Amino acid sequence: MAEVYTAADVRAMIKSYLSGKVDRKQITEWLTPLVWQEDGAADAVDLGWSVALLLTEASRGDLDEEELHEQLRSLAAPSVPA
C-alpha cells in the first residue's frame, strides 16, 4: 500500500526546499506520485499541484527564484480556518 501524504507533509517538503535541504529535482521527484497518482489526502494533492505548477513556472522563467520562494513560503504556512 502506498504512503498517504498529508498537507503537513507537503508543507514540510516545501520548507526543506526553501532551506536548501533538498533541491528542485528532489522536490519534483517527491511530488510526482502525490500529484499524478493522488497518493495523498485531497488537500495534500491540491497543495502538491500548486507547488508543482510554481516549480514549472520557475523552470520556464515565468518566476525568478525570489518570486518562487515568496510563493512557496505562502504555501508552506498552514491555512487558518475562517
PDB file of N, CA and C in Angstrom:
ATOM      1  N   MET A   1       0.837  -1.176   0.000  1.00  0.00           N
ATOM      2  CA  MET A   1       0.000   0.000   0.000  1.00  0.00           C
ATOM      3  C   MET A   1       0.885   1.244   0.000  1.00  0.00           C
ATOM      4  N   ALA A   2       0.540   2.187  -0.858  1.00  0.00           N
ATOM      5  CA  ALA A   2       1.322   3.420  -0.977  1.00  0.00           C
ATOM      6  C   ALA A   2       1.116   4.299   0.250  1.00  0.00           C
ATOM      7  N   GLU A   3       2.146   5.089   0.540  1.00  0.00           N
ATOM      8  CA  GLU A   3       2.048   6.026   1.647  1.00  0.00           C
ATOM      9  C   GLU A   3       1.046   7.116   1.290  1.00  0.00           C
ATOM     10  N   VAL A   4       0.242   7.512   2.255  1.00  0.00           N
ATOM     11  CA  VAL A   4      -0.727   8.579   2.038  1.00  0.00           C
ATOM     12  C   VAL A   4      -0.175   9.850   2.653  1.00  0.00           C
ATOM     13  N   TYR A   5       0.106  10.825   1.801  1.00  0.00           N
ATOM     14  CA  TYR A   5       0.687  12.079   2.252  1.00  0.00           C
ATOM     15  C   TYR A   5      -0.385  13.041   2.728  1.00  0.00           C
ATOM     16  N   THR A   6       0.007  13.904   3.650  1.00  0.00           N
ATOM     17  CA  THR A   6      -0.885  14.938   4.168  1.00  0.00           C
ATOM     18  C   THR A   6      -0.381  16.300   3.713  1.00  0.00           C
ATOM     19  N   ALA A   7      -1.220  17.310   3.898  1.00  0.00           N
ATOM     20  CA  ALA A   7      -0.804  18.674   3.579  1.00  0.00           C
ATOM     21  C   ALA A   7       0.401  19.066   4.434  1.00  0.00           C
ATOM     22  N   ALA A   8       0.456  18.573   5.667  1.00  0.00           N
ATOM     23  CA  ALA A   8       1.602  18.860   6.538  1.00  0.00           C
ATOM     24  C   ALA A   8       2.890  18.285   5.944  1.00  0.00           C
ATOM     25  N   ASP A   9       2.807  17.116   5.314  1.00  0.00           N
ATOM     26  CA  ASP A   9       3.978  16.528   4.651  1.00  0.00           C
ATOM     27  C   ASP A   9       4.452  17.421   3.505  1.00  0.00           C
ATOM     28  N   VAL A  10       3.509  17.947   2.743  1.00  0.00           N
ATOM     29  CA  VAL A  10       3.857  18.816   1.615  1.00  0.00           C
ATOM     30  C   VAL A  10       4.496  20.097   2.139  1.00  0.00           C
ATOM     31  N   ARG A  11       3.917  20.666   3.185  1.00  0.00           N
ATOM     32  CA  ARG A  11       4.486  21.891   3.766  1.00  0.00           C
ATOM     33  C   ARG A  11       5.908  21.645   4.289  1.00  0.00           C
ATOM     34  N   ALA A  12       6.119  20.477   4.892  1.00  0.00           N
ATOM     35  CA  ALA A  12       7.461  20.137   5.387  1.00  0.00           C
ATOM     36  C   ALA A  12       8.450  20.028   4.228  1.00  0.00           C
ATOM     37  N   MET A  13       8.019  19.458   3.119  1.00  0.00           N
ATOM     38  CA  MET A  13       8.899  19.350   1.953  1.00  0.00           C
ATOM     39  C   MET A  13       9.189  20.730   1.369  1.00  0.00           C
ATOM     40  N   ILE A  14       8.195  21.601   1.335  1.00  0.00           N
ATOM     41  CA  ILE A  14       8.418  22.971   0.863  1.00  0.00           C
ATOM     42  C   ILE A  14       9.482  23.635   1.735  1.00  0.00           C
ATOM     43  N   LYS A  15       9.353  23.489   3.039  1.00  0.00           N
ATOM     44  CA  LYS A  15      10.319  24.095   3.964  1.00  0.00           C
ATOM     45  C   LYS A  15      11.712  23.505   3.757  1.00  0.00           C
ATOM     46  N   SER A  16      11.793  22.214   3.464  1.00  0.00           N
ATOM     47  CA  SER A  16      13.091  21.589   3.179  1.00  0.00           C
ATOM     48  C   SER A  16      13.709  22.184   1.915  1.00  0.00           C
ATOM     49  N   TYR A  17      12.876  22.434   0.924  1.00  0.00           N
ATOM     50  CA  TYR A  17      13.368  23.049  -0.306  1.00  0.00           C
ATOM     51  C   TYR A  17      13.842  24.477  -0.038  1.00  0.00           C
ATOM     52  N   LEU A  18      13.026  25.243   0.675  1.00  0.00           N
ATOM     53  CA  LEU A  18      13.372  26.638   0.950  1.00  0.00           C
ATOM     54  C   LEU A  18      14.645  26.762   1.784  1.00  0.00           C
ATOM     55  N   SER A  19      14.894  25.793   2.646  1.00  0.00           N
ATOM     56  CA  SER A  19      16.092  25.834   3.493  1.00  0.00           C
ATOM     57  C   SER A  19      17.322  25.241   2.800  1.00  0.00           C
ATOM     58  N   GLY A  20      17.127  24.690   1.599  1.00  0.00           N
ATOM     59  CA  GLY A  20      18.249  24.130   0.857  1.00  0.00           C
ATOM     60  C   GLY A  20      18.560  22.677   1.177  1.00  0.00           C
ATOM     61  N   LYS A  21      17.719  22.038   1.982  1.00  0.00           N
ATOM     62  CA  LYS A  21      17.964  20.624   2.321  1.00  0.00           C
ATOM     63  C   LYS A  21      17.691  19.698   1.140  1.00  0.00           C
ATOM     64  N   VAL A  22      16.771  20.105   0.268  1.00  0.00           N
ATOM     65  CA  VAL A  22      16.506  19.372  -0.970  1.00  0.00           C
ATOM     66  C   VAL A  22      16.560  20.365  -2.124  1.00  0.00           C
ATOM     67  N   ASP A  23      16.894  19.872  -3.305  1.00  0.00           N
ATOM     68  CA  ASP A  23      16.944  20.756  -4.467  1.00  0.00           C
ATOM     69  C   ASP A  23      15.662  20.615  -5.287  1.00  0.00           C
ATOM     70  N   ARG A  24      15.603  21.366  -6.370  1.00  0.00           N
ATOM     71  CA  ARG A  24      14.382  21.383  -7.185  1.00  0.00           C
ATOM     72  C   ARG A  24      14.076  20.009  -7.771  1.00  0.00           C
ATOM     73  N   LYS A  25      15.106  19.282  -8.178  1.00  0.00           N
ATOM     74  CA  LYS A  25      14.890  17.937  -8.727  1.00  0.00           C
ATOM     75  C   LYS A  25      14.300  17.011  -7.656  1.00  0.00           C
ATOM     76  N   GLN A  26      14.822  17.085  -6.439  1.00  0.00           N
ATOM     77  CA  GLN A  26      14.336  16.212  -5.368  1.00  0.00           C
ATOM     78  C   GLN A  26      12.880  16.517  -4.998  1.00  0.00           C
ATOM     79  N   ILE A  27      12.523  17.791  -4.898  1.00  0.00           N
ATOM     80  CA  ILE A  27      11.138  18.106  -4.533  1.00  0.00           C
ATOM     81  C   ILE A  27      10.198  17.702  -5.668  1.00  0.00           C
ATOM     82  N   THR A  28      10.649  17.873  -6.902  1.00  0.00           N
ATOM     83  CA  THR A  28       9.818  17.475  -8.044  1.00  0.00           C
ATOM     84  C   THR A  28       9.603  15.968  -8.046  1.00  0.00           C
ATOM     85  N   GLU A  29      10.658  15.209  -7.818  1.00  0.00           N
ATOM     86  CA  GLU A  29      10.528  13.748  -7.768  1.00  0.00           C
ATOM     87  C   GLU A  29       9.629  13.307  -6.619  1.00  0.00           C
ATOM     88  N   TRP A  30       9.710  13.999  -5.493  1.00  0.00           N
ATOM     89  CA  TRP A  30       8.873  13.664  -4.337  1.00  0.00           C
ATOM     90  C   TRP A  30       7.399  13.958  -4.641  1.00  0.00           C
ATOM     91  N   LEU A  31       7.145  15.057  -5.363  1.00  0.00           N
ATOM     92  CA  LEU A  31       5.769  15.452  -5.664  1.00  0.00           C
ATOM     93  C   LEU A  31       5.096  14.576  -6.720  1.00  0.00           C
ATOM     94  N   THR A  32       5.882  13.977  -7.597  1.00  0.00           N
ATOM     95  CA  THR A  32       5.313  13.265  -8.746  1.00  0.00           C
ATOM     96  C   THR A  32       4.266  12.221  -8.370  1.00  0.00           C
ATOM     97  N   PRO A  33       4.535  11.275  -7.482  1.00  0.00           N
ATOM     98  CA  PRO A  33       3.478  10.300  -7.165  1.00  0.00           C
ATOM     99  C   PRO A  33       2.289  10.946  -6.461  1.00  0.00           C
ATOM    100  N   LEU A  34       2.551  11.978  -5.697  1.00  0.00           N
ATOM    101  CA  LEU A  34       1.455  12.648  -4.986  1.00  0.00           C
ATOM    102  C   LEU A  34       0.477  13.261  -5.975  1.00  0.00           C
ATOM    103  N   VAL A  35       0.984  14.000  -6.947  1.00  0.00           N
ATOM    104  CA  VAL A  35       0.073  14.708  -7.845  1.00  0.00           C
ATOM    105  C   VAL A  35      -0.444  13.845  -8.988  1.00  0.00           C
ATOM    106  N   TRP A  36       0.366  12.945  -9.505  1.00  0.00           N
ATOM    107  CA  TRP A  36      -0.063  12.156 -10.662  1.00  0.00           C
ATOM    108  C   TRP A  36      -0.814  10.892 -10.279  1.00  0.00           C
ATOM    109  N   GLN A  37      -0.504  10.341  -9.102  1.00  0.00           N
ATOM    110  CA  GLN A  37      -1.196   9.130  -8.671  1.00  0.00           C
ATOM    111  C   GLN A  37      -2.124   9.397  -7.495  1.00  0.00           C
ATOM    112  N   GLU A  38      -2.158  10.660  -7.085  1.00  0.00           N
ATOM    113  CA  GLU A  38      -3.004  11.092  -5.974  1.00  0.00           C
ATOM    114  C   GLU A  38      -2.781  10.242  -4.725  1.00  0.00           C
ATOM    115  N   ASP A  39      -1.497  10.079  -4.368  1.00  0.00           N
ATOM    116  CA  ASP A  39      -1.111   9.312  -3.190  1.00  0.00           C
ATOM    117  C   ASP A  39      -1.159  10.183  -1.941  1.00  0.00           C
ATOM    118  N   GLY A  40      -2.308  10.768  -1.697  1.00  0.00           N
ATOM    119  CA  GLY A  40      -2.420  11.617  -0.523  1.00  0.00           C
ATOM    120  C   GLY A  40      -3.834  12.078  -0.306  1.00  0.00           C
ATOM    121  N   ALA A  41      -4.022  12.746   0.813  1.00  0.00           N
ATOM    122  CA  ALA A  41      -5.318  13.338   1.112  1.00  0.00           C
ATOM    123  C   ALA A  41      -5.596  14.420   0.070  1.00  0.00           C
ATOM    124  N   ALA A  42      -6.866  14.740  -0.137  1.00  0.00           N
ATOM    125  CA  ALA A  42      -7.261  15.705  -1.169  1.00  0.00           C
ATOM    126  C   ALA A  42      -6.547  17.043  -1.000  1.00  0.00           C
ATOM    127  N   ASP A  43      -6.441  17.533   0.239  1.00  0.00           N
ATOM    128  CA  ASP A  43      -5.775  18.823   0.441  1.00  0.00           C
ATOM    129  C   ASP A  43      -4.281  18.726   0.137  1.00  0.00           C
ATOM    130  N   ALA A  44      -3.686  17.568   0.375  1.00  0.00           N
ATOM    131  CA  ALA A  44      -2.275  17.372   0.055  1.00  0.00           C
ATOM    132  C   ALA A  44      -2.068  17.353  -1.458  1.00  0.00           C
ATOM    133  N   VAL A  45      -2.947  16.701  -2.177  1.00  0.00           N
ATOM    134  CA  VAL A  45      -2.852  16.652  -3.639  1.00  0.00           C
ATOM    135  C   VAL A  45      -3.019  18.058  -4.208  1.00  0.00           C
ATOM    136  N   ASP A  46      -3.998  18.804  -3.715  1.00  0.00           N
ATOM    137  CA  ASP A  46      -4.205  20.179  -4.187  1.00  0.00           C
ATOM    138  C   ASP A  46      -2.979  21.044  -3.924  1.00  0.00           C
ATOM    139  N   LEU A  47      -2.428  20.944  -2.728  1.00  0.00           N
ATOM    140  CA  LEU A  47      -1.239  21.710  -2.378  1.00  0.00           C
ATOM    141  C   LEU A  47      -0.053  21.265  -3.235  1.00  0.00           C
ATOM    142  N   GLY A  48       0.065  19.969  -3.447  1.00  0.00           N
ATOM    143  CA  GLY A  48       1.132  19.443  -4.289  1.00  0.00           C
ATOM    144  C   GLY A  48       1.066  19.979  -5.709  1.00  0.00           C
ATOM    145  N   TRP A  49      -0.148  20.053  -6.261  1.00  0.00           N
ATOM    146  CA  TRP A  49      -0.315  20.617  -7.602  1.00  0.00           C
ATOM    147  C   TRP A  49       0.097  22.082  -7.624  1.00  0.00           C
ATOM    148  N   SER A  50      -0.248  22.828  -6.595  1.00  0.00           N
ATOM    149  CA  SER A  50       0.139  24.238  -6.536  1.00  0.00           C
ATOM    150  C   SER A  50       1.656  24.385  -6.558  1.00  0.00           C
ATOM    151  N   VAL A  51       2.335  23.556  -5.789  1.00  0.00           N
ATOM    152  CA  VAL A  51       3.799  23.584  -5.749  1.00  0.00           C
ATOM    153  C   VAL A  51       4.373  23.184  -7.104  1.00  0.00           C
ATOM    154  N   ALA A  52       3.843  22.115  -7.681  1.00  0.00           N
ATOM    155  CA  ALA A  52       4.340  21.641  -8.975  1.00  0.00           C
ATOM    156  C   ALA A  52       4.182  22.712 -10.049  1.00  0.00           C
ATOM    157  N   LEU A  53       3.064  23.410 -10.041  1.00  0.00           N
ATOM    158  CA  LEU A  53       2.845  24.464 -11.031  1.00  0.00           C
ATOM    159  C   LEU A  53       3.821  25.618 -10.839  1.00  0.00           C
ATOM    160  N   LEU A  54       4.076  25.994  -9.593  1.00  0.00           N
ATOM    161  CA  LEU A  54       5.051  27.060  -9.329  1.00  0.00           C
ATOM    162  C   LEU A  54       6.446  26.655  -9.795  1.00  0.00           C
ATOM    163  N   LEU A  55       6.825  25.412  -9.543  1.00  0.00           N
ATOM    164  CA  LEU A  55       8.140  24.930  -9.983  1.00  0.00           C
ATOM    165  C   LEU A  55       8.241  24.939 -11.512  1.00  0.00           C
ATOM    166  N   THR A  56       7.152  24.594 -12.177  1.00  0.00           N
ATOM    167  CA  THR A  56       7.132  24.623 -13.640  1.00  0.00           C
ATOM    168  C   THR A  56       7.270  26.052 -14.147  1.00  0.00           C
ATOM    169  N   GLU A  57       6.536  26.973 -13.526  1.00  0.00           N
ATOM    170  CA  GLU A  57       6.634  28.377 -13.925  1.00  0.00           C
ATOM    171  C   GLU A  57       8.058  28.895 -13.749  1.00  0.00           C
ATOM    172  N   ALA A  58       8.697  28.514 -12.663  1.00  0.00           N
ATOM    173  CA  ALA A  58      10.074  28.943 -12.422  1.00  0.00           C
ATOM    174  C   ALA A  58      11.024  28.322 -13.450  1.00  0.00           C
ATOM    175  N   SER A  59      10.803  27.071 -13.785  1.00  0.00           N
ATOM    176  CA  SER A  59      11.652  26.400 -14.774  1.00  0.00           C
ATOM    177  C   SER A  59      11.535  27.045 -16.148  1.00  0.00           C
ATOM    178  N   ARG A  60      10.342  27.548 -16.468  1.00  0.00           N
ATOM    179  CA  ARG A  60      10.119  28.214 -17.756  1.00  0.00           C
ATOM    180  C   ARG A  60      10.623  29.653 -17.749  1.00  0.00           C
ATOM    181  N   GLY A  61      10.966  30.173 -16.579  1.00  0.00           N
ATOM    182  CA  GLY A  61      11.423  31.547 -16.489  1.00  0.00           C
ATOM    183  C   GLY A  61      10.325  32.550 -16.203  1.00  0.00           C
ATOM    184  N   ASP A  62       9.115  32.058 -15.937  1.00  0.00           N
ATOM    185  CA  ASP A  62       7.995  32.956 -15.633  1.00  0.00           C
ATOM    186  C   ASP A  62       8.087  33.519 -14.223  1.00  0.00           C
ATOM    187  N   LEU A  63       8.799  32.829 -13.346  1.00  0.00           N
ATOM    188  CA  LEU A  63       9.061  33.310 -11.986  1.00  0.00           C
ATOM    189  C   LEU A  63      10.563  33.276 -11.758  1.00  0.00           C
ATOM    190  N   ASP A  64      11.098  34.333 -11.146  1.00  0.00           N
ATOM    191  CA  ASP A  64      12.504  34.249 -10.770  1.00  0.00           C
ATOM    192  C   ASP A  64      12.585  33.544  -9.410  1.00  0.00           C
ATOM    193  N   GLU A  65      13.789  33.275  -8.965  1.00  0.00           N
ATOM    194  CA  GLU A  65      13.975  32.489  -7.735  1.00  0.00           C
ATOM    195  C   GLU A  65      13.337  33.176  -6.524  1.00  0.00           C
ATOM    196  N   GLU A  66      13.458  34.487  -6.449  1.00  0.00           N
ATOM    197  CA  GLU A  66      12.866  35.218  -5.326  1.00  0.00           C
ATOM    198  C   GLU A  66      11.338  35.109  -5.334  1.00  0.00           C
ATOM    199  N   GLU A  67      10.742  35.250  -6.506  1.00  0.00           N
ATOM    200  CA  GLU A  67       9.284  35.121  -6.618  1.00  0.00           C
ATOM    201  C   GLU A  67       8.832  33.706  -6.269  1.00  0.00           C
ATOM    202  N   LEU A  68       9.587  32.719  -6.740  1.00  0.00           N
ATOM    203  CA  LEU A  68       9.266  31.324  -6.424  1.00  0.00           C
ATOM    204  C   LEU A  68       9.287  31.112  -4.922  1.00  0.00           C
ATOM    205  N   HIS A  69      10.343  31.568  -4.273  1.00  0.00           N
ATOM    206  CA  HIS A  69      10.462  31.378  -2.823  1.00  0.00           C
ATOM    207  C   HIS A  69       9.347  32.096  -2.081  1.00  0.00           C
ATOM    208  N   GLU A  70       8.990  33.281  -2.533  1.00  0.00           N
ATOM    209  CA  GLU A  70       7.899  34.023  -1.891  1.00  0.00           C
ATOM    210  C   GLU A  70       6.582  33.257  -1.988  1.00  0.00           C
ATOM    211  N   GLN A  71       6.292  32.751  -3.168  1.00  0.00           N
ATOM    212  CA  GLN A  71       5.062  31.979  -3.369  1.00  0.00           C
ATOM    213  C   GLN A  71       5.077  30.690  -2.539  1.00  0.00           C
ATOM    214  N   LEU A  72       6.214  30.013  -2.512  1.00  0.00           N
ATOM    215  CA  LEU A  72       6.314  28.768  -1.741  1.00  0.00           C
ATOM    216  C   LEU A  72       6.203  29.029  -0.240  1.00  0.00           C
ATOM    217  N   ARG A  73       6.777  30.132   0.234  1.00  0.00           N
ATOM    218  CA  ARG A  73       6.638  30.468   1.659  1.00  0.00           C
ATOM    219  C   ARG A  73       5.168  30.644   2.030  1.00  0.00           C
ATOM    220  N   SER A  74       4.397  31.267   1.153  1.00  0.00           N
ATOM    221  CA  SER A  74       2.977  31.453   1.456  1.00  0.00           C
ATOM    222  C   SER A  74       2.241  30.103   1.491  1.00  0.00           C
ATOM    223  N   LEU A  75       2.660  29.162   0.651  1.00  0.00           N
ATOM    224  CA  LEU A  75       2.036  27.828   0.661  1.00  0.00           C
ATOM    225  C   LEU A  75       2.480  27.004   1.860  1.00  0.00           C
ATOM    226  N   ALA A  76       3.678  27.275   2.358  1.00  0.00           N
ATOM    227  CA  ALA A  76       4.199  26.490   3.486  1.00  0.00           C
ATOM    228  C   ALA A  76       3.501  26.823   4.800  1.00  0.00           C
ATOM    229  N   ALA A  77       2.885  28.002   4.860  1.00  0.00           N
ATOM    230  CA  ALA A  77       2.165  28.388   6.075  1.00  0.00           C
ATOM    231  C   ALA A  77       0.820  27.683   6.105  1.00  0.00           C
ATOM    232  N   PRO A  78       0.487  27.023   7.207  1.00  0.00           N
ATOM    233  CA  PRO A  78      -0.818  26.339   7.253  1.00  0.00           C
ATOM    234  C   PRO A  78      -1.958  27.353   7.164  1.00  0.00           C
ATOM    235  N   SER A  79      -2.987  26.967   6.455  1.00  0.00           N
ATOM    236  CA  SER A  79      -4.135  27.866   6.331  1.00  0.00           C
ATOM    237  C   SER A  79      -4.926  27.872   7.645  1.00  0.00           C
ATOM    238  N   VAL A  80      -5.477  29.020   7.934  1.00  0.00           N
ATOM    239  CA  VAL A  80      -6.249  29.181   9.159  1.00  0.00           C
ATOM    240  C   VAL A  80      -7.716  29.221   8.782  1.00  0.00           C
ATOM    241  N   PRO A  81      -8.531  28.362   9.379  1.00  0.00           N
ATOM    242  CA  PRO A  81      -9.959  28.360   9.043  1.00  0.00           C
ATOM    243  C   PRO A  81     -10.602  29.708   9.378  1.00  0.00           C
ATOM    244  N   ALA A  82     -11.542  30.106   8.529  1.00  0.00           N
ATOM    245  CA  ALA A  82     -12.230  31.388   8.738  1.00  0.00           C
ATOM    246  C   ALA A  82     -13.261  31.286   9.836  1.00  0.00           C
TER     247      ALA A  82
END
